[in-house]
Amino acid sequence: MRIKRILATTAALTCLAVLPACKGGGQAAPPDAPASSAAPAGAAAAGSLAEAQQYMREFTGCEDLGSKPDDPRLPSGDFPKVGQWSVTEVGVCRDGRRQGNIAIAVPKDMKAFQAGYKQYVTDKMSGGDGAYGLFSNVLVGKGFVAFPTNSKSAMALLQGNMRVLVCNPGGRVPEGYKREKPLVEGCGLTDFFATEDGSGSPNFETPQDPAGGGEKLGQPKTGSLGLPRAGSIAELRKLVGNSMDCEKHFSTDPDAVAIESIDYQPAVKGNALDWGITGRALCGQPAGAQRAVNLSWLDTVGDMKKLQTKAKAAQQADLKDDGKLRATASMLLVGENIAVETNKPSSRFDLYQRQFLYLNCVPGFSAPSGYRLEKSQVEGCVLTNYEPEHPVG
């Protein structure tokens, strides 16, 4: 079963040239960092445990720092000891926010550390553990290496410009993630944190199968059960009816359409033409004396594939932070040549009754029997009327 999970993780991924993932000990250098430093660009230098803790506390709850060799929080086995791989200090802190620990190693010579770790991975693979290091928890900063036990801690540190060191040639880095050179040949650095249980960085290259492995009610074998269309913004406004606050509060003025608030953010950002949109309107009450209320956006679409491609990229960027989509960001519901952006569940429910479907690009998403699940125009996404956070029925 383990081999099957590994194959599932690495299938359909873009290979990072000789990019190994290390499980147990190692380091990763930051993006665009010069090979001589092998540390993330913009990462604060840390030459001691205290400095490493200070840096990591910007992104995690690295508390209760301990440096005693018998600290029970220190990992056994793979974790380097003082004197190994140029390590001069080891310690561990607690990430209370995410209910995990972060072990820390401070090497005197980062290249020596990486070379030692690479040899360790090579020896483990030669000893029969060919999958060793495919799911690395070894993150490199400037002058220190972190070993988080919790995937959420690791992903938080990656936001701080740390990098995963991978030294198993079978490691893969999906498209959309960084690939950088470490200080030793045969390894790689990346901001992709792979986990066996899927709790790490999302893999946006994982194919989505609308068939879900079997026939489901409410789901066509081929084609679509039908999507709404409209010839203009005026027709779209009429089509959505009372689904949103479009009858009393409606505007196509570019300045009004560009309005958003902390509570209501559009799915489409920047120049709408770049998203394949030909017409755009705002429904709801923009902020005035009070906060904005019920903001939603109506779109006529000239290039649906371009819209879905841009929306997929936006979802990926949002998911990359913590694996979740922001609640204040509008979800994109599409028809044949139209789209609606809204973050109001009740509005979306009404739109689903009018045959709109939500563009969902979350890796591994599936819908229960009875919900619609159809192919989108971009790989890795589906169209559906099922929302796990707001199921109907």
Protein backbone atom coordinates (compact mmCIF):
# COMPACT_ATOMS: atom_id res chain seq x y z
CA MET A 1 0.00 0.00 0.00
CA ARG A 2 2.87 2.37 0.75
CA ILE A 3 4.28 1.95 -2.75
CA LYS A 4 0.85 2.67 -4.24
CA ARG A 5 0.60 5.89 -2.24
CA ILE A 6 4.06 6.92 -3.36
CA LEU A 7 3.19 6.25 -6.99
CA ALA A 8 -0.02 8.22 -6.62
CA THR A 9 1.92 11.12 -5.17
CA THR A 10 4.55 11.17 -7.90
CA ALA A 11 2.35 10.35 -10.89
CA ALA A 12 1.73 13.09 -13.44
CA LEU A 13 4.19 15.43 -11.74
CA THR A 14 6.90 17.43 -13.41
CA CYS A 15 10.29 16.08 -12.43
CA LEU A 16 12.62 18.38 -10.60
CA ALA A 17 15.96 17.45 -12.11
CA VAL A 18 17.41 15.08 -9.62
CA LEU A 19 15.27 16.61 -6.88
CA PRO A 20 15.12 14.23 -3.96
CA ALA A 21 12.85 14.51 -0.99
CA CYS A 22 14.40 13.78 2.33
CA LYS A 23 12.68 12.29 5.32
CA GLY A 24 14.46 12.85 8.55
CA GLY A 25 17.34 15.27 8.13
CA GLY A 26 18.47 17.76 5.54
CA GLN A 27 18.03 21.29 4.37
CA ALA A 28 16.69 23.38 1.63
CA ALA A 29 17.80 26.64 0.18
CA PRO A 30 15.57 29.58 -0.64
CA PRO A 31 14.31 30.67 -4.00
CA ASP A 32 16.66 32.60 -6.18
CA ALA A 33 19.29 32.29 -3.49
CA PRO A 34 22.85 32.17 -4.76
CA ALA A 35 24.31 28.67 -4.77
CA SER A 36 27.03 29.81 -2.43
CA SER A 37 24.57 30.55 0.36
CA ALA A 38 21.87 27.95 -0.32
CA ALA A 39 19.48 29.99 1.78
CA PRO A 40 16.18 31.58 0.89
CA ALA A 41 16.28 35.06 -0.55
CA GLY A 42 15.08 37.44 2.11
CA ALA A 43 15.44 34.91 4.91
CA ALA A 44 17.03 36.23 8.05
CA ALA A 45 20.44 34.75 8.87
CA ALA A 46 20.53 32.60 11.98
CA GLY A 47 23.82 31.39 13.40
CA SER A 48 22.45 30.11 16.71
CA LEU A 49 19.39 28.38 18.13
CA ALA A 50 18.12 31.63 19.61
CA GLU A 51 18.41 33.42 16.27
CA ALA A 52 16.72 30.53 14.47
CA GLN A 53 13.86 30.65 16.98
CA GLN A 54 13.51 34.40 16.59
CA TYR A 55 13.22 34.06 12.83
CA MET A 56 10.75 31.18 12.88
CA ARG A 57 8.50 32.92 15.40
CA GLU A 58 7.53 35.35 12.65
CA PHE A 59 5.70 32.46 10.97
CA THR A 60 5.08 29.83 13.65
CA GLY A 61 4.58 29.62 17.41
CA CYS A 62 8.13 28.42 18.07
CA GLU A 63 7.98 28.49 21.89
CA ASP A 64 9.71 26.77 24.82
CA LEU A 65 13.07 26.40 23.12
CA GLY A 66 15.13 23.58 24.62
CA SER A 67 18.66 22.43 23.85
CA LYS A 68 19.21 19.49 26.19
CA PRO A 69 20.18 16.33 24.28
CA ASP A 70 17.69 14.28 26.31
CA ASP A 71 14.72 16.56 25.53
CA PRO A 72 11.91 14.06 24.73
CA ARG A 73 10.62 16.35 21.98
CA LEU A 74 13.76 15.81 19.90
CA PRO A 75 13.25 13.23 17.14
CA SER A 76 15.24 10.03 17.42
CA GLY A 77 17.04 8.17 14.68
CA ASP A 78 17.33 10.40 11.64
CA PHE A 79 17.85 13.70 13.44
CA PRO A 80 21.54 14.78 13.37
CA LYS A 81 23.53 15.05 16.59
CA VAL A 82 26.13 17.65 17.51
CA GLY A 83 29.31 16.86 15.60
CA GLN A 84 27.46 15.15 12.75
CA TRP A 85 27.37 16.89 9.36
CA SER A 86 29.06 19.98 10.82
CA VAL A 87 26.23 20.53 13.34
CA THR A 88 27.29 22.62 16.35
CA GLU A 89 23.90 23.04 18.10
CA VAL A 90 20.60 21.17 18.20
CA GLY A 91 17.36 22.14 19.86
CA VAL A 92 13.59 21.94 19.68
CA CYS A 93 10.65 24.30 20.15
CA ARG A 94 6.90 23.90 20.30
CA ASP A 95 4.50 25.27 17.67
CA GLY A 96 1.46 25.66 19.88
CA ARG A 97 -0.62 27.14 17.08
CA ARG A 98 -0.42 23.89 15.13
CA GLN A 99 0.07 21.33 17.91
CA GLY A 100 3.51 20.18 16.79
CA ASN A 101 7.24 20.51 17.47
CA ILE A 102 10.06 21.92 15.36
CA ALA A 103 13.54 20.46 15.81
CA ILE A 104 16.46 22.73 14.87
CA ALA A 105 20.04 22.03 13.79
CA VAL A 106 22.68 24.75 13.40
CA PRO A 107 25.59 23.63 11.17
CA LYS A 108 28.89 25.43 11.01
CA ASP A 109 29.23 24.57 7.30
CA MET A 110 25.98 24.31 5.39
CA LYS A 111 27.61 22.56 2.43
CA ALA A 112 29.08 19.92 4.73
CA PHE A 113 25.66 19.42 6.26
CA GLN A 114 24.00 18.95 2.88
CA ALA A 115 26.73 16.57 1.73
CA GLY A 116 26.37 14.52 4.91
CA TYR A 117 22.63 14.37 4.60
CA LYS A 118 22.80 13.39 0.94
CA GLN A 119 25.12 10.51 1.82
CA TYR A 120 22.74 9.47 4.58
CA VAL A 121 19.81 9.34 2.14
CA THR A 122 21.93 7.44 -0.39
CA ASP A 123 22.90 4.87 2.24
CA LYS A 124 19.27 4.40 3.29
CA MET A 125 18.24 3.82 -0.31
CA SER A 126 21.14 1.42 -0.91
CA GLY A 127 20.07 -0.46 2.20
CA GLY A 128 16.71 -1.28 0.63
CA ASP A 129 14.55 1.77 1.51
CA GLY A 130 14.24 3.14 -2.02
CA ALA A 131 11.42 5.50 -1.00
CA TYR A 132 13.41 7.15 1.77
CA GLY A 133 13.24 10.94 1.53
CA LEU A 134 10.26 11.20 -0.81
CA PHE A 135 8.35 13.00 1.94
CA SER A 136 10.97 15.32 3.41
CA ASN A 137 10.40 17.38 6.54
CA VAL A 138 13.81 19.06 6.25
CA LEU A 139 13.62 22.83 5.73
CA VAL A 140 16.67 25.05 5.20
CA GLY A 141 17.11 28.67 6.19
CA LYS A 142 20.24 30.81 6.33
CA GLY A 143 22.53 29.07 8.78
CA PHE A 144 19.99 26.67 10.29
CA VAL A 145 17.80 23.71 9.40
CA ALA A 146 14.29 23.06 10.74
CA PHE A 147 12.54 19.69 11.06
CA PRO A 148 8.81 20.36 11.71
CA THR A 149 6.64 17.44 12.81
CA ASN A 150 3.45 19.10 11.57
CA SER A 151 2.75 19.80 7.89
CA LYS A 152 1.02 23.09 8.73
CA SER A 153 4.15 24.26 10.55
CA ALA A 154 6.22 23.34 7.51
CA MET A 155 3.95 25.23 5.13
CA ALA A 156 4.06 28.28 7.38
CA LEU A 157 7.87 28.23 7.32
CA LEU A 158 7.84 27.95 3.53
CA GLN A 159 5.96 31.25 3.51
CA GLY A 160 8.99 32.62 5.36
CA ASN A 161 11.21 31.73 2.41
CA MET A 162 12.61 28.50 3.81
CA ARG A 163 13.01 25.56 1.44
CA VAL A 164 12.69 21.78 1.57
CA LEU A 165 15.90 19.84 0.88
CA VAL A 166 15.28 16.70 -1.17
CA CYS A 167 17.95 14.10 -1.90
CA ASN A 168 16.03 11.14 -3.35
CA PRO A 169 16.26 11.14 -7.18
CA GLY A 170 12.66 9.90 -7.32
CA GLY A 171 11.33 13.12 -5.79
CA ARG A 172 9.05 15.28 -7.93
CA VAL A 173 8.03 18.92 -7.83
CA PRO A 174 4.70 19.85 -9.46
CA GLU A 175 4.33 22.75 -11.83
CA GLY A 176 3.89 26.05 -10.05
CA TYR A 177 6.46 25.42 -7.31
CA LYS A 178 10.04 26.64 -7.07
CA ARG A 179 13.03 24.47 -7.98
CA GLU A 180 16.42 25.65 -6.81
CA LYS A 181 19.97 24.35 -6.58
CA PRO A 182 21.44 23.42 -3.21
CA LEU A 183 25.13 23.36 -2.33
CA VAL A 184 25.62 19.73 -3.37
CA GLU A 185 24.88 17.94 -6.62
CA GLY A 186 22.12 15.36 -6.63
CA CYS A 187 19.73 17.20 -4.32
CA GLY A 188 17.25 20.00 -4.81
CA LEU A 189 15.44 22.79 -2.98
CA THR A 190 11.76 23.55 -3.33
CA ASP A 191 8.78 25.24 -1.69
CA PHE A 192 6.68 22.11 -2.32
CA PHE A 193 6.14 20.16 0.91
CA ALA A 194 5.13 16.61 -0.01
CA THR A 195 3.30 14.41 2.49
CA GLU A 196 2.07 10.85 2.24
CA ASP A 197 -1.37 11.73 3.61
CA GLY A 198 -1.91 14.75 1.34
CA SER A 199 -1.88 17.29 4.17
CA GLY A 200 1.06 19.23 2.74
CA SER A 201 1.31 21.52 -0.28
CA PRO A 202 -1.52 20.93 -2.77
CA ASN A 203 -0.52 19.25 -6.02
CA PHE A 204 -2.37 21.10 -8.76
CA GLU A 205 -1.26 18.65 -11.42
CA THR A 206 -3.28 15.79 -9.94
CA PRO A 207 -5.84 14.92 -12.61
CA GLN A 208 -9.46 15.40 -11.56
CA ASP A 209 -11.81 12.69 -12.75
CA PRO A 210 -15.40 13.94 -13.01
CA ALA A 211 -16.54 10.30 -13.33
CA GLY A 212 -15.40 9.74 -9.75
CA GLY A 213 -14.61 6.12 -10.50
CA GLY A 214 -18.23 5.17 -11.13
CA GLU A 215 -21.62 6.28 -12.35
CA LYS A 216 -23.41 8.81 -10.17
CA LEU A 217 -26.88 10.26 -10.19
CA GLY A 218 -27.05 13.83 -11.46
CA GLN A 219 -23.90 13.37 -13.48
CA PRO A 220 -23.76 12.91 -17.27
CA LYS A 221 -21.60 10.16 -18.79
CA THR A 222 -20.51 12.64 -21.47
CA GLY A 223 -21.14 16.31 -22.15
CA SER A 224 -23.21 18.45 -19.81
CA LEU A 225 -26.68 18.43 -18.30
CA GLY A 226 -26.88 22.03 -19.49
CA LEU A 227 -25.61 25.45 -18.44
CA PRO A 228 -27.37 28.84 -18.67
CA ARG A 229 -26.43 31.48 -21.21
CA ALA A 230 -27.26 35.15 -21.82
CA GLY A 231 -26.63 37.55 -24.67
CA SER A 232 -25.83 40.60 -22.52
CA ILE A 233 -25.34 41.91 -19.01
CA ALA A 234 -28.99 43.03 -19.05
CA GLU A 235 -30.12 39.48 -19.87
CA LEU A 236 -27.82 38.07 -17.20
CA ARG A 237 -29.23 40.51 -14.63
CA LYS A 238 -32.71 39.28 -15.50
CA LEU A 239 -31.60 35.66 -15.45
CA VAL A 240 -30.23 35.76 -11.89
CA GLY A 241 -33.50 37.30 -10.73
CA ASN A 242 -33.67 37.65 -6.95
CA SER A 243 -30.59 35.51 -6.36
CA MET A 244 -28.59 38.60 -5.44
CA ASP A 245 -29.15 42.26 -4.73
CA CYS A 246 -29.22 43.10 -8.46
CA GLU A 247 -32.69 44.57 -8.90
CA LYS A 248 -32.30 47.57 -6.57
CA HIS A 249 -28.54 47.95 -6.48
CA PHE A 250 -26.89 47.46 -9.86
CA SER A 251 -24.17 49.29 -11.81
CA THR A 252 -22.00 48.83 -14.89
CA ASP A 253 -19.93 51.95 -14.17
CA PRO A 254 -16.24 50.87 -14.25
CA ASP A 255 -15.46 52.74 -11.02
CA ALA A 256 -18.35 51.06 -9.22
CA VAL A 257 -17.51 47.62 -10.65
CA ALA A 258 -13.94 47.96 -9.36
CA ILE A 259 -15.16 48.40 -5.77
CA GLU A 260 -14.51 45.59 -3.30
CA SER A 261 -14.35 45.34 0.49
CA ILE A 262 -12.72 43.23 3.15
CA ASP A 263 -15.93 41.19 3.36
CA TYR A 264 -16.68 40.94 -0.36
CA GLN A 265 -13.81 40.26 -2.74
CA PRO A 266 -14.29 39.36 -6.41
CA ALA A 267 -12.94 36.21 -7.98
CA VAL A 268 -11.67 38.28 -10.92
CA LYS A 269 -8.74 40.54 -10.10
CA GLY A 270 -7.03 43.12 -12.31
CA ASN A 271 -7.98 43.75 -15.94
CA ALA A 272 -11.16 41.79 -16.70
CA LEU A 273 -10.19 41.56 -20.38
CA ASP A 274 -7.21 39.43 -19.37
CA TRP A 275 -9.70 36.94 -17.94
CA GLY A 276 -11.69 36.66 -21.18
CA ILE A 277 -14.50 38.85 -19.84
CA THR A 278 -16.34 41.17 -22.22
CA GLY A 279 -18.83 42.84 -19.85
CA ARG A 280 -19.01 43.31 -16.10
CA ALA A 281 -21.46 44.67 -13.54
CA LEU A 282 -21.68 45.07 -9.76
CA CYS A 283 -24.67 44.09 -7.63
CA GLY A 284 -25.06 45.18 -4.02
CA GLN A 285 -24.37 48.27 -1.97
CA PRO A 286 -20.80 49.63 -2.05
CA ALA A 287 -19.36 51.04 1.15
CA GLY A 288 -20.60 54.50 1.99
CA ALA A 289 -21.46 55.67 5.46
CA GLN A 290 -21.54 51.98 6.43
CA ARG A 291 -19.76 48.83 5.28
CA ALA A 292 -20.46 47.32 1.88
CA VAL A 293 -23.40 44.92 1.72
CA ASN A 294 -24.01 41.89 -0.53
CA LEU A 295 -21.45 42.68 -3.23
CA SER A 296 -21.51 40.29 -6.21
CA TRP A 297 -20.34 40.58 -9.81
CA LEU A 298 -21.95 39.61 -13.13
CA ASP A 299 -19.79 38.77 -16.16
CA THR A 300 -20.35 38.12 -19.83
CA VAL A 301 -17.57 35.89 -21.10
CA GLY A 302 -15.97 35.89 -24.56
CA ASP A 303 -13.32 33.26 -23.74
CA MET A 304 -14.51 30.77 -21.12
CA LYS A 305 -11.31 28.73 -21.19
CA LYS A 306 -9.23 31.84 -20.43
CA LEU A 307 -11.55 32.71 -17.54
CA GLN A 308 -11.33 29.23 -16.05
CA THR A 309 -7.55 29.11 -16.51
CA LYS A 310 -7.08 32.41 -14.64
CA ALA A 311 -9.56 31.36 -11.95
CA LYS A 312 -7.71 28.07 -11.45
CA ALA A 313 -4.41 29.94 -10.97
CA ALA A 314 -6.07 32.25 -8.43
CA GLN A 315 -7.45 29.29 -6.47
CA GLN A 316 -4.04 27.63 -6.49
CA ALA A 317 -2.39 30.76 -5.11
CA ASP A 318 -5.03 30.99 -2.38
CA LEU A 319 -4.75 27.30 -1.44
CA LYS A 320 -0.98 27.43 -1.32
CA ASP A 321 -0.98 29.50 1.87
CA ASP A 322 -2.91 27.16 4.17
CA GLY A 323 -4.77 24.68 1.96
CA LYS A 324 -8.02 26.62 2.25
CA LEU A 325 -9.90 29.17 0.15
CA ARG A 326 -10.63 32.51 1.80
CA ALA A 327 -14.21 32.78 3.01
CA THR A 328 -14.40 36.42 1.91
CA ALA A 329 -13.35 35.63 -1.67
CA SER A 330 -16.18 35.13 -4.14
CA MET A 331 -16.67 31.74 -5.73
CA LEU A 332 -16.92 31.69 -9.52
CA LEU A 333 -20.12 30.15 -10.89
CA VAL A 334 -20.23 29.74 -14.66
CA GLY A 335 -22.71 29.18 -17.44
CA GLU A 336 -21.98 28.72 -21.15
CA ASN A 337 -20.95 32.33 -21.82
CA ILE A 338 -21.62 34.03 -18.49
CA ALA A 339 -20.34 33.94 -14.92
CA VAL A 340 -21.30 35.18 -11.48
CA GLU A 341 -18.95 35.91 -8.56
CA THR A 342 -20.42 35.79 -5.07
CA ASN A 343 -19.41 34.69 -1.57
CA LYS A 344 -22.98 34.37 -0.32
CA PRO A 345 -24.10 30.70 0.07
CA SER A 346 -27.81 31.44 -0.27
CA SER A 347 -27.20 33.29 -3.54
CA ARG A 348 -25.18 30.39 -4.87
CA PHE A 349 -27.94 27.95 -3.93
CA ASP A 350 -30.41 29.94 -6.05
CA LEU A 351 -27.92 30.09 -8.92
CA TYR A 352 -27.47 26.30 -8.83
CA GLN A 353 -31.22 25.99 -9.36
CA ARG A 354 -30.73 28.09 -12.50
CA GLN A 355 -28.11 25.58 -13.73
CA PHE A 356 -24.97 27.60 -12.88
CA LEU A 357 -22.06 25.47 -11.67
CA TYR A 358 -19.10 26.34 -9.46
CA LEU A 359 -15.56 26.04 -10.84
CA ASN A 360 -13.73 23.92 -8.25
CA CYS A 361 -9.96 23.37 -8.62
CA VAL A 362 -9.24 21.93 -5.16
CA PRO A 363 -7.04 18.81 -5.50
CA GLY A 364 -8.83 15.57 -4.69
CA PHE A 365 -12.34 17.11 -4.74
CA SER A 366 -15.26 14.76 -5.35
CA ALA A 367 -19.03 15.11 -5.04
CA PRO A 368 -21.52 12.69 -3.47
CA SER A 369 -24.16 10.92 -5.51
CA GLY A 370 -26.98 13.23 -6.52
CA TYR A 371 -24.87 16.32 -7.14
CA ARG A 372 -23.71 17.52 -10.52
CA LEU A 373 -20.08 17.02 -11.40
CA GLU A 374 -18.96 17.91 -14.91
CA LYS A 375 -15.75 18.59 -16.80
CA SER A 376 -14.47 22.13 -16.91
CA GLN A 377 -12.49 23.62 -19.79
CA VAL A 378 -9.19 23.36 -17.89
CA GLU A 379 -7.46 20.27 -16.56
CA GLY A 380 -7.46 19.88 -12.80
CA CYS A 381 -10.85 21.52 -12.24
CA VAL A 382 -14.48 20.43 -12.30
CA LEU A 383 -17.86 22.15 -12.47
CA THR A 384 -20.20 21.25 -9.62
CA ASN A 385 -23.14 22.32 -7.48
CA TYR A 386 -21.70 20.62 -4.39
CA GLU A 387 -19.98 22.68 -1.69
CA PRO A 388 -18.55 20.61 1.19
CA GLU A 389 -18.88 23.58 3.57
CA HIS A 390 -22.51 24.24 2.57
CA PRO A 391 -24.10 20.93 1.50
CA VAL A 392 -27.72 21.01 0.46
CA GLY A 393 -30.18 18.29 1.38
